[in-house]
Amino acid sequence: MENPGAPLPQYPQQPGQAQPYYPQQPQQPEQGFTPPAAQHAPSHVMVSPQAQNPAQFGIRAVDSLTANEFHVQINGQVATGIFAVTGLSSFKLKLDENSKPVGFDYPPLVITKMVQQDPNLPFNQWVREAIQQRGAVLPTREITIVAMDEGAETRRWVFRNAWISSVTFSDFDTAVEYLVEEKITIQHGGVEEQWPNR
């Protein structure tokens, strides 16, 4: 009589036969492993091979800027909790139906940041003012994006008469442990690009 609790016999694998599926057990991350903080990175952005590996193309690192060395100022005060800045543009020409320049167009700036609890932080104050005014008055600020290189400023973009046109949040989801993101879309009246000591 066969023992129902005995393990099943193992048979040799036949050529062309599909391999059996064994579900993998979840593995614990190695000590010191840091998961990539990429949930705020724009998924549609294409990065050139030269930007990903400049040394391979004979480009010195000192010749360019790295995307993670920057800070944001609001009315001269450094803002904290900033994840990303998108829409940065020095200028964009506005064209008529004949593709002739008729002026400048100012694309909006989008700042992605963590949701901060202190209502007195600069961005929180600005958002609160914009909500209270309900579009009757547009509270403005001066926003500055500062590019850094090993702690030294290399360039800055100053957006004057900036005002908030929308505030959105990433999804709340019990299945993930990501930080909730706040995306602030900022309109402005133009940008001035500045180089230090120039």
Protein backbone atom coordinates (compact mmCIF):
# COMPACT_ATOMS: atom_id res chain seq x y z
CA MET A 1 0.00 0.00 0.00
CA GLU A 2 1.39 3.37 -1.00
CA ASN A 3 2.10 5.94 1.65
CA PRO A 4 0.04 9.05 0.76
CA GLY A 5 2.45 11.28 2.67
CA ALA A 6 5.56 10.10 0.81
CA PRO A 7 7.23 12.56 -1.62
CA LEU A 8 6.57 12.05 -5.32
CA PRO A 9 9.35 10.34 -7.32
CA GLN A 10 11.53 12.54 -9.55
CA TYR A 11 11.59 11.57 -13.24
CA PRO A 12 14.28 12.62 -15.73
CA GLN A 13 13.43 15.65 -17.87
CA GLN A 14 12.51 14.73 -21.46
CA PRO A 15 13.91 16.77 -24.38
CA GLY A 16 11.55 19.57 -25.36
CA GLN A 17 9.51 19.19 -22.19
CA ALA A 18 8.59 22.43 -20.43
CA GLN A 19 10.48 23.12 -17.25
CA PRO A 20 8.39 22.93 -14.07
CA TYR A 21 7.52 26.20 -12.39
CA TYR A 22 8.66 26.69 -8.84
CA PRO A 23 7.45 29.92 -7.24
CA GLN A 24 10.28 31.99 -5.88
CA GLN A 25 10.34 32.93 -2.27
CA PRO A 26 10.60 36.66 -1.53
CA GLN A 27 14.16 37.62 -0.79
CA GLN A 28 15.29 40.09 1.81
CA PRO A 29 17.39 42.98 0.47
CA GLU A 30 21.06 42.87 1.21
CA GLN A 31 22.30 44.90 4.14
CA GLY A 32 22.99 48.44 3.04
CA PHE A 33 20.85 48.11 -0.10
CA THR A 34 19.02 51.31 -0.98
CA PRO A 35 16.03 50.95 -3.31
CA PRO A 36 16.08 53.40 -6.22
CA ALA A 37 14.14 56.57 -5.48
CA ALA A 38 12.79 56.82 -9.00
CA GLN A 39 9.07 57.04 -8.43
CA HIS A 40 9.18 60.77 -9.08
CA ALA A 41 11.33 60.53 -12.23
CA PRO A 42 9.38 61.40 -15.40
CA SER A 43 8.77 58.14 -17.27
CA HIS A 44 8.58 59.87 -20.67
CA VAL A 45 12.01 61.52 -20.52
CA MET A 46 14.54 60.05 -22.95
CA VAL A 47 18.19 60.33 -21.93
CA SER A 48 20.87 60.19 -24.60
CA PRO A 49 23.70 57.60 -24.38
CA GLN A 50 26.15 60.50 -24.08
CA ALA A 51 24.38 61.76 -20.97
CA GLN A 52 24.25 58.29 -19.41
CA ASN A 53 27.94 57.49 -19.99
CA PRO A 54 29.85 60.66 -20.89
CA ALA A 55 33.33 59.15 -20.47
CA GLN A 56 32.64 56.62 -23.23
CA PHE A 57 32.13 59.50 -25.67
CA GLY A 58 35.14 61.52 -24.53
CA ILE A 59 33.08 64.02 -22.53
CA ARG A 60 34.61 65.26 -19.30
CA ALA A 61 32.27 65.41 -16.32
CA VAL A 62 33.34 69.00 -15.69
CA ASP A 63 31.88 69.96 -19.08
CA SER A 64 28.30 69.29 -18.04
CA LEU A 65 25.89 69.33 -15.11
CA THR A 66 24.51 66.37 -13.20
CA ALA A 67 20.75 66.22 -12.85
CA ASN A 68 20.73 65.65 -9.09
CA GLU A 69 22.85 68.66 -8.08
CA PHE A 70 20.45 71.56 -7.76
CA HIS A 71 18.28 73.43 -5.33
CA VAL A 72 15.17 75.58 -5.57
CA GLN A 73 14.73 79.00 -4.00
CA ILE A 74 11.44 80.77 -3.38
CA ASN A 75 11.89 84.50 -2.80
CA GLY A 76 15.55 83.81 -2.04
CA GLN A 77 14.88 81.12 0.56
CA VAL A 78 16.07 77.58 -0.20
CA ALA A 79 13.12 75.18 -0.35
CA THR A 80 13.40 71.72 1.19
CA GLY A 81 11.91 68.40 0.11
CA ILE A 82 12.27 68.99 -3.62
CA PHE A 83 12.27 65.84 -5.75
CA ALA A 84 12.39 67.14 -9.32
CA VAL A 85 11.99 70.15 -11.59
CA THR A 86 10.56 69.70 -15.10
CA GLY A 87 9.81 72.18 -17.86
CA LEU A 88 12.99 74.20 -17.34
CA SER A 89 13.51 76.33 -20.44
CA SER A 90 15.61 79.43 -21.11
CA PHE A 91 13.25 80.62 -23.85
CA LYS A 92 10.82 79.40 -26.49
CA LEU A 93 9.83 81.43 -29.52
CA LYS A 94 6.15 81.89 -30.32
CA LEU A 95 5.51 81.35 -34.03
CA ASP A 96 2.66 82.52 -36.24
CA GLU A 97 0.91 80.44 -38.92
CA ASN A 98 3.84 81.14 -41.27
CA SER A 99 6.38 79.90 -38.70
CA LYS A 100 7.70 83.41 -38.16
CA PRO A 101 8.66 84.45 -34.62
CA VAL A 102 6.18 86.87 -33.08
CA GLY A 103 7.39 86.87 -29.49
CA PHE A 104 8.26 84.59 -26.63
CA ASP A 105 6.29 81.74 -25.16
CA TYR A 106 6.80 80.81 -21.51
CA PRO A 107 6.21 77.11 -20.81
CA PRO A 108 5.12 76.30 -17.26
CA LEU A 109 7.51 74.99 -14.65
CA VAL A 110 6.54 71.90 -12.64
CA ILE A 111 8.09 71.32 -9.24
CA THR A 112 7.64 67.88 -7.66
CA LYS A 113 8.16 67.78 -3.92
CA MET A 114 7.31 65.84 -0.82
CA VAL A 115 4.14 66.68 1.09
CA GLN A 116 5.32 68.66 4.10
CA GLN A 117 3.27 69.21 7.24
CA ASP A 118 4.55 72.61 8.38
CA PRO A 119 2.05 75.21 7.07
CA ASN A 120 4.65 77.97 7.40
CA LEU A 121 7.11 76.54 4.90
CA PRO A 122 7.46 78.80 1.82
CA PHE A 123 5.71 76.55 -0.68
CA ASN A 124 2.91 75.68 1.76
CA GLN A 125 2.33 79.38 2.48
CA TRP A 126 2.19 80.13 -1.24
CA VAL A 127 -0.26 77.29 -1.95
CA ARG A 128 -2.49 78.38 0.95
CA GLU A 129 -2.58 81.95 -0.35
CA ALA A 130 -3.46 80.76 -3.86
CA ILE A 131 -6.30 78.58 -2.54
CA GLN A 132 -7.70 81.39 -0.39
CA GLN A 133 -7.71 83.85 -3.30
CA ARG A 134 -9.54 81.36 -5.61
CA GLY A 135 -8.15 83.03 -8.71
CA ALA A 136 -9.37 86.52 -7.82
CA VAL A 137 -5.77 87.51 -7.10
CA LEU A 138 -2.70 85.55 -8.14
CA PRO A 139 -0.10 85.56 -5.35
CA THR A 140 3.30 85.73 -7.02
CA ARG A 141 6.77 84.69 -6.02
CA GLU A 142 10.26 84.69 -7.49
CA ILE A 143 11.39 81.13 -8.17
CA THR A 144 15.06 80.34 -8.76
CA ILE A 145 16.52 77.05 -9.94
CA VAL A 146 20.21 76.83 -9.03
CA ALA A 147 22.51 74.28 -10.68
CA MET A 148 25.44 73.17 -8.53
CA ASP A 149 28.71 71.35 -9.17
CA GLU A 150 30.45 69.91 -6.11
CA GLY A 151 28.90 72.58 -3.92
CA ALA A 152 29.67 75.51 -6.23
CA GLU A 153 26.97 77.36 -8.14
CA THR A 154 27.34 77.07 -11.91
CA ARG A 155 24.13 78.61 -13.25
CA ARG A 156 20.73 79.83 -12.16
CA TRP A 157 17.36 80.41 -13.78
CA VAL A 158 15.22 83.13 -12.21
CA PHE A 159 11.46 83.07 -12.84
CA ARG A 160 9.80 86.34 -11.85
CA ASN A 161 6.09 87.04 -11.31
CA ALA A 162 5.53 83.30 -10.92
CA TRP A 163 2.07 82.09 -9.91
CA ILE A 164 0.53 78.68 -9.22
CA SER A 165 -1.91 77.31 -11.79
CA SER A 166 -2.45 73.84 -10.30
CA VAL A 167 -1.50 71.56 -7.42
CA THR A 168 -1.89 67.79 -7.75
CA PHE A 169 -0.90 64.80 -5.63
CA SER A 170 0.19 61.27 -6.43
CA ASP A 171 -2.17 58.44 -5.52
CA PHE A 172 -2.67 57.11 -2.02
CA ASP A 173 -2.24 53.33 -2.25
CA THR A 174 -1.97 50.80 0.58
CA ALA A 175 -0.01 48.44 -1.70
CA VAL A 176 3.05 50.70 -1.90
CA GLU A 177 5.25 52.57 0.55
CA TYR A 178 6.26 55.45 -1.70
CA LEU A 179 6.19 59.00 -0.44
CA VAL A 180 3.18 60.95 -1.63
CA GLU A 181 4.28 63.58 -4.15
CA GLU A 182 2.97 67.10 -4.56
CA LYS A 183 3.23 68.56 -8.08
CA ILE A 184 3.02 72.34 -8.31
CA THR A 185 2.56 73.78 -11.81
CA ILE A 186 3.91 77.32 -12.02
CA GLN A 187 3.23 79.92 -14.70
CA HIS A 188 5.52 82.91 -15.04
CA GLY A 189 6.28 86.04 -17.00
CA GLY A 190 9.70 85.04 -18.24
CA VAL A 191 13.04 83.67 -17.12
CA GLU A 192 16.46 85.21 -16.71
CA GLU A 193 19.43 82.87 -17.03
CA GLN A 194 22.43 83.91 -14.94
CA TRP A 195 26.04 82.73 -14.74
CA PRO A 196 28.02 83.46 -11.57
CA ASN A 197 30.90 85.93 -11.93
CA ARG A 198 30.03 86.65 -15.55
